[in-house]
Amino acid sequence: MLTLPHLQLLIKYHWRAERFAREASAAEKDLMNELDWTQLAELLTDLQLYHQQLLSKDYARQVLHRLLATCADEATAQTFIGYAGTLVPGN
């Protein structure tokens, strides 16, 4: 499950697994060991498209359901969706 500390590290390393592997501390690597970076990056992309209103209503509901299933709590989900909104061009 994605938590706020996980999300903070993803943001810190700009979602780049190779950069994380090179630069992260042992404690950071231990914390992130359980996460699927590819799956999370796909969710981030979908959330960016959600903010741009480029998803069908049906798919948008699926994305939000995936978001809630991925995050450990509502605070993490809200932070993740808010962060994705900051990455939308023009915001």
N, C-alpha and C. Protein backbone atom coordinates (compact mmCIF):
# COMPACT_ATOMS: atom_id res chain seq x y z
N MET A 1 0.83 -1.18 0.00
CA MET A 1 0.00 0.00 0.00
C MET A 1 0.88 1.25 0.00
N LEU A 2 0.47 2.20 -0.77
CA LEU A 2 1.19 3.47 -0.87
C LEU A 2 0.85 4.35 0.32
N THR A 3 1.87 4.86 0.97
CA THR A 3 1.70 5.77 2.11
C THR A 3 2.31 7.12 1.76
N LEU A 4 2.08 8.10 2.62
CA LEU A 4 2.68 9.42 2.39
C LEU A 4 4.21 9.36 2.34
N PRO A 5 4.87 8.61 3.23
CA PRO A 5 6.34 8.52 3.11
C PRO A 5 6.79 7.92 1.76
N HIS A 6 6.05 6.94 1.25
CA HIS A 6 6.38 6.39 -0.07
C HIS A 6 6.24 7.47 -1.14
N LEU A 7 5.12 8.17 -1.10
CA LEU A 7 4.85 9.21 -2.11
C LEU A 7 5.90 10.31 -2.05
N GLN A 8 6.32 10.67 -0.85
CA GLN A 8 7.35 11.69 -0.70
C GLN A 8 8.66 11.26 -1.38
N LEU A 9 8.99 9.99 -1.24
CA LEU A 9 10.22 9.51 -1.88
C LEU A 9 10.07 9.44 -3.40
N LEU A 10 8.91 9.05 -3.89
CA LEU A 10 8.69 9.04 -5.34
C LEU A 10 8.87 10.45 -5.91
N ILE A 11 8.34 11.42 -5.22
CA ILE A 11 8.46 12.81 -5.65
C ILE A 11 9.92 13.27 -5.55
N LYS A 12 10.56 12.93 -4.44
CA LYS A 12 11.96 13.33 -4.22
C LYS A 12 12.86 12.85 -5.36
N TYR A 13 12.63 11.63 -5.82
CA TYR A 13 13.46 11.05 -6.87
C TYR A 13 12.82 11.17 -8.26
N HIS A 14 11.82 12.04 -8.36
CA HIS A 14 11.18 12.35 -9.64
C HIS A 14 10.68 11.11 -10.38
N TRP A 15 10.22 10.12 -9.62
CA TRP A 15 9.64 8.89 -10.18
C TRP A 15 10.63 8.12 -11.04
N ARG A 16 11.91 8.32 -10.84
CA ARG A 16 12.93 7.64 -11.65
C ARG A 16 13.58 6.54 -10.81
N ALA A 17 13.23 5.30 -11.11
CA ALA A 17 13.72 4.15 -10.35
C ALA A 17 15.24 4.05 -10.42
N GLU A 18 15.80 4.37 -11.58
CA GLU A 18 17.26 4.27 -11.71
C GLU A 18 17.96 5.32 -10.86
N ARG A 19 17.40 6.51 -10.79
CA ARG A 19 17.98 7.54 -9.92
C ARG A 19 17.86 7.13 -8.46
N PHE A 20 16.69 6.60 -8.10
CA PHE A 20 16.47 6.12 -6.75
C PHE A 20 17.49 5.04 -6.39
N ALA A 21 17.70 4.10 -7.28
CA ALA A 21 18.64 2.99 -7.03
C ALA A 21 20.05 3.52 -6.79
N ARG A 22 20.42 4.59 -7.48
CA ARG A 22 21.76 5.17 -7.37
C ARG A 22 21.93 6.02 -6.11
N GLU A 23 20.89 6.80 -5.77
CA GLU A 23 21.06 7.85 -4.78
C GLU A 23 20.39 7.60 -3.42
N ALA A 24 19.46 6.69 -3.35
CA ALA A 24 18.69 6.50 -2.12
C ALA A 24 19.52 5.86 -1.02
N SER A 25 19.17 6.19 0.20
CA SER A 25 19.82 5.57 1.36
C SER A 25 19.28 4.15 1.54
N ALA A 26 19.95 3.40 2.36
CA ALA A 26 19.51 2.02 2.64
C ALA A 26 18.11 2.02 3.27
N ALA A 27 17.84 2.97 4.14
CA ALA A 27 16.52 3.06 4.78
C ALA A 27 15.43 3.38 3.76
N GLU A 28 15.74 4.28 2.83
CA GLU A 28 14.78 4.61 1.77
C GLU A 28 14.52 3.40 0.89
N LYS A 29 15.57 2.69 0.54
CA LYS A 29 15.42 1.50 -0.30
C LYS A 29 14.59 0.44 0.41
N ASP A 30 14.81 0.28 1.68
CA ASP A 30 14.05 -0.69 2.46
C ASP A 30 12.57 -0.32 2.48
N LEU A 31 12.28 0.95 2.65
CA LEU A 31 10.89 1.42 2.68
C LEU A 31 10.19 1.19 1.34
N MET A 32 10.90 1.41 0.26
CA MET A 32 10.30 1.34 -1.08
C MET A 32 10.33 -0.05 -1.70
N ASN A 33 10.93 -1.00 -1.03
CA ASN A 33 11.13 -2.33 -1.56
C ASN A 33 9.86 -3.00 -2.06
N GLU A 34 8.75 -2.75 -1.41
CA GLU A 34 7.50 -3.44 -1.71
C GLU A 34 6.68 -2.83 -2.85
N LEU A 35 7.08 -1.68 -3.34
CA LEU A 35 6.25 -0.97 -4.32
C LEU A 35 6.58 -1.35 -5.76
N ASP A 36 5.55 -1.32 -6.58
CA ASP A 36 5.68 -1.55 -8.02
C ASP A 36 5.71 -0.17 -8.68
N TRP A 37 6.91 0.28 -9.01
CA TRP A 37 7.09 1.63 -9.58
C TRP A 37 6.33 1.79 -10.88
N THR A 38 6.32 0.77 -11.70
CA THR A 38 5.64 0.85 -13.00
C THR A 38 4.14 1.06 -12.81
N GLN A 39 3.55 0.29 -11.92
CA GLN A 39 2.12 0.41 -11.65
C GLN A 39 1.78 1.81 -11.12
N LEU A 40 2.61 2.32 -10.23
CA LEU A 40 2.38 3.65 -9.67
C LEU A 40 2.55 4.74 -10.73
N ALA A 41 3.52 4.59 -11.61
CA ALA A 41 3.72 5.57 -12.68
C ALA A 41 2.52 5.57 -13.64
N GLU A 42 1.96 4.40 -13.91
CA GLU A 42 0.78 4.31 -14.77
C GLU A 42 -0.41 5.01 -14.11
N LEU A 43 -0.55 4.83 -12.80
CA LEU A 43 -1.62 5.50 -12.07
C LEU A 43 -1.41 7.02 -12.10
N LEU A 44 -0.18 7.46 -11.93
CA LEU A 44 0.12 8.90 -12.01
C LEU A 44 -0.27 9.46 -13.37
N THR A 45 0.06 8.76 -14.44
CA THR A 45 -0.31 9.20 -15.79
C THR A 45 -1.82 9.29 -15.93
N ASP A 46 -2.52 8.28 -15.44
CA ASP A 46 -3.98 8.30 -15.51
C ASP A 46 -4.56 9.46 -14.70
N LEU A 47 -3.97 9.77 -13.56
CA LEU A 47 -4.45 10.89 -12.75
C LEU A 47 -4.19 12.22 -13.44
N GLN A 48 -3.08 12.32 -14.16
CA GLN A 48 -2.83 13.54 -14.94
C GLN A 48 -3.91 13.69 -16.03
N LEU A 49 -4.22 12.60 -16.69
CA LEU A 49 -5.27 12.64 -17.72
C LEU A 49 -6.63 12.95 -17.11
N TYR A 50 -6.85 12.46 -15.90
CA TYR A 50 -8.08 12.75 -15.16
C TYR A 50 -8.21 14.26 -14.94
N HIS A 51 -7.12 14.88 -14.49
CA HIS A 51 -7.14 16.32 -14.25
C HIS A 51 -7.36 17.11 -15.54
N GLN A 52 -6.91 16.58 -16.65
CA GLN A 52 -7.08 17.25 -17.95
C GLN A 52 -8.45 16.93 -18.55
N GLN A 53 -9.23 16.12 -17.85
CA GLN A 53 -10.57 15.70 -18.29
C GLN A 53 -10.51 15.00 -19.64
N LEU A 54 -9.51 14.14 -19.78
CA LEU A 54 -9.33 13.40 -21.03
C LEU A 54 -9.76 11.94 -20.91
N LEU A 55 -10.39 11.59 -19.79
CA LEU A 55 -10.84 10.22 -19.58
C LEU A 55 -12.36 10.15 -19.69
N SER A 56 -12.85 9.03 -20.17
CA SER A 56 -14.30 8.83 -20.15
C SER A 56 -14.74 8.75 -18.68
N LYS A 57 -16.01 9.00 -18.44
CA LYS A 57 -16.52 8.93 -17.06
C LYS A 57 -16.31 7.55 -16.46
N ASP A 58 -16.51 6.54 -17.28
CA ASP A 58 -16.34 5.17 -16.83
C ASP A 58 -14.89 4.90 -16.42
N TYR A 59 -13.96 5.29 -17.28
CA TYR A 59 -12.55 5.04 -16.98
C TYR A 59 -12.09 5.91 -15.81
N ALA A 60 -12.59 7.11 -15.71
CA ALA A 60 -12.25 7.99 -14.58
C ALA A 60 -12.67 7.34 -13.27
N ARG A 61 -13.83 6.72 -13.23
CA ARG A 61 -14.27 6.01 -12.02
C ARG A 61 -13.32 4.85 -11.71
N GLN A 62 -12.88 4.15 -12.75
CA GLN A 62 -11.95 3.03 -12.55
C GLN A 62 -10.62 3.54 -11.97
N VAL A 63 -10.16 4.66 -12.48
CA VAL A 63 -8.90 5.24 -12.01
C VAL A 63 -9.02 5.64 -10.54
N LEU A 64 -10.12 6.29 -10.19
CA LEU A 64 -10.30 6.70 -8.80
C LEU A 64 -10.43 5.48 -7.88
N HIS A 65 -11.06 4.43 -8.37
CA HIS A 65 -11.16 3.19 -7.59
C HIS A 65 -9.76 2.59 -7.39
N ARG A 66 -8.95 2.57 -8.45
CA ARG A 66 -7.57 2.08 -8.35
C ARG A 66 -6.75 2.92 -7.37
N LEU A 67 -6.96 4.23 -7.42
CA LEU A 67 -6.26 5.13 -6.51
C LEU A 67 -6.56 4.76 -5.06
N LEU A 68 -7.83 4.59 -4.76
CA LEU A 68 -8.22 4.27 -3.38
C LEU A 68 -7.72 2.89 -2.97
N ALA A 69 -7.69 1.95 -3.91
CA ALA A 69 -7.20 0.60 -3.61
C ALA A 69 -5.69 0.58 -3.42
N THR A 70 -4.99 1.51 -4.04
CA THR A 70 -3.53 1.56 -3.98
C THR A 70 -3.02 2.25 -2.73
N CYS A 71 -3.77 3.25 -2.27
CA CYS A 71 -3.31 4.08 -1.15
C CYS A 71 -3.74 3.49 0.19
N ALA A 72 -2.89 3.68 1.18
CA ALA A 72 -3.15 3.15 2.52
C ALA A 72 -4.27 3.90 3.23
N ASP A 73 -4.46 5.17 2.87
CA ASP A 73 -5.48 5.96 3.54
C ASP A 73 -5.93 7.11 2.64
N GLU A 74 -6.95 7.80 3.09
CA GLU A 74 -7.51 8.89 2.28
C GLU A 74 -6.53 10.06 2.14
N ALA A 75 -5.74 10.33 3.17
CA ALA A 75 -4.77 11.43 3.09
C ALA A 75 -3.76 11.18 1.98
N THR A 76 -3.31 9.94 1.85
CA THR A 76 -2.36 9.60 0.79
C THR A 76 -3.02 9.75 -0.57
N ALA A 77 -4.25 9.26 -0.69
CA ALA A 77 -4.98 9.35 -1.96
C ALA A 77 -5.18 10.81 -2.36
N GLN A 78 -5.56 11.66 -1.40
CA GLN A 78 -5.78 13.07 -1.69
C GLN A 78 -4.47 13.76 -2.08
N THR A 79 -3.41 13.41 -1.41
CA THR A 79 -2.10 14.00 -1.74
C THR A 79 -1.66 13.57 -3.13
N PHE A 80 -1.84 12.29 -3.45
CA PHE A 80 -1.45 11.76 -4.75
C PHE A 80 -2.23 12.43 -5.87
N ILE A 81 -3.54 12.53 -5.72
CA ILE A 81 -4.35 13.14 -6.78
C ILE A 81 -4.04 14.63 -6.90
N GLY A 82 -3.79 15.28 -5.77
CA GLY A 82 -3.42 16.70 -5.81
C GLY A 82 -2.07 16.92 -6.48
N TYR A 83 -1.12 16.07 -6.15
CA TYR A 83 0.20 16.14 -6.78
C TYR A 83 0.09 15.96 -8.28
N ALA A 84 -0.68 14.96 -8.71
CA ALA A 84 -0.86 14.72 -10.15
C ALA A 84 -1.42 15.97 -10.83
N GLY A 85 -2.30 16.68 -10.15
CA GLY A 85 -2.88 17.89 -10.71
C GLY A 85 -1.87 19.00 -10.91
N THR A 86 -0.81 19.01 -10.12
CA THR A 86 0.22 20.03 -10.28
C THR A 86 1.09 19.78 -11.50
N LEU A 87 1.04 18.56 -12.02
CA LEU A 87 1.86 18.20 -13.17
C LEU A 87 1.15 18.43 -14.49
N VAL A 88 -0.09 18.84 -14.45
CA VAL A 88 -0.87 19.09 -15.66
C VAL A 88 -0.38 20.39 -16.29
N PRO A 89 -0.03 20.36 -17.58
CA PRO A 89 0.42 21.59 -18.25
C PRO A 89 -0.61 22.71 -18.10
N GLY A 90 -0.12 23.89 -17.79
CA GLY A 90 -1.00 25.04 -17.67
C GLY A 90 -1.47 25.31 -16.27
N ASN A 91 -1.20 24.41 -15.32
CA ASN A 91 -1.60 24.65 -13.92
C ASN A 91 -0.51 25.32 -13.16
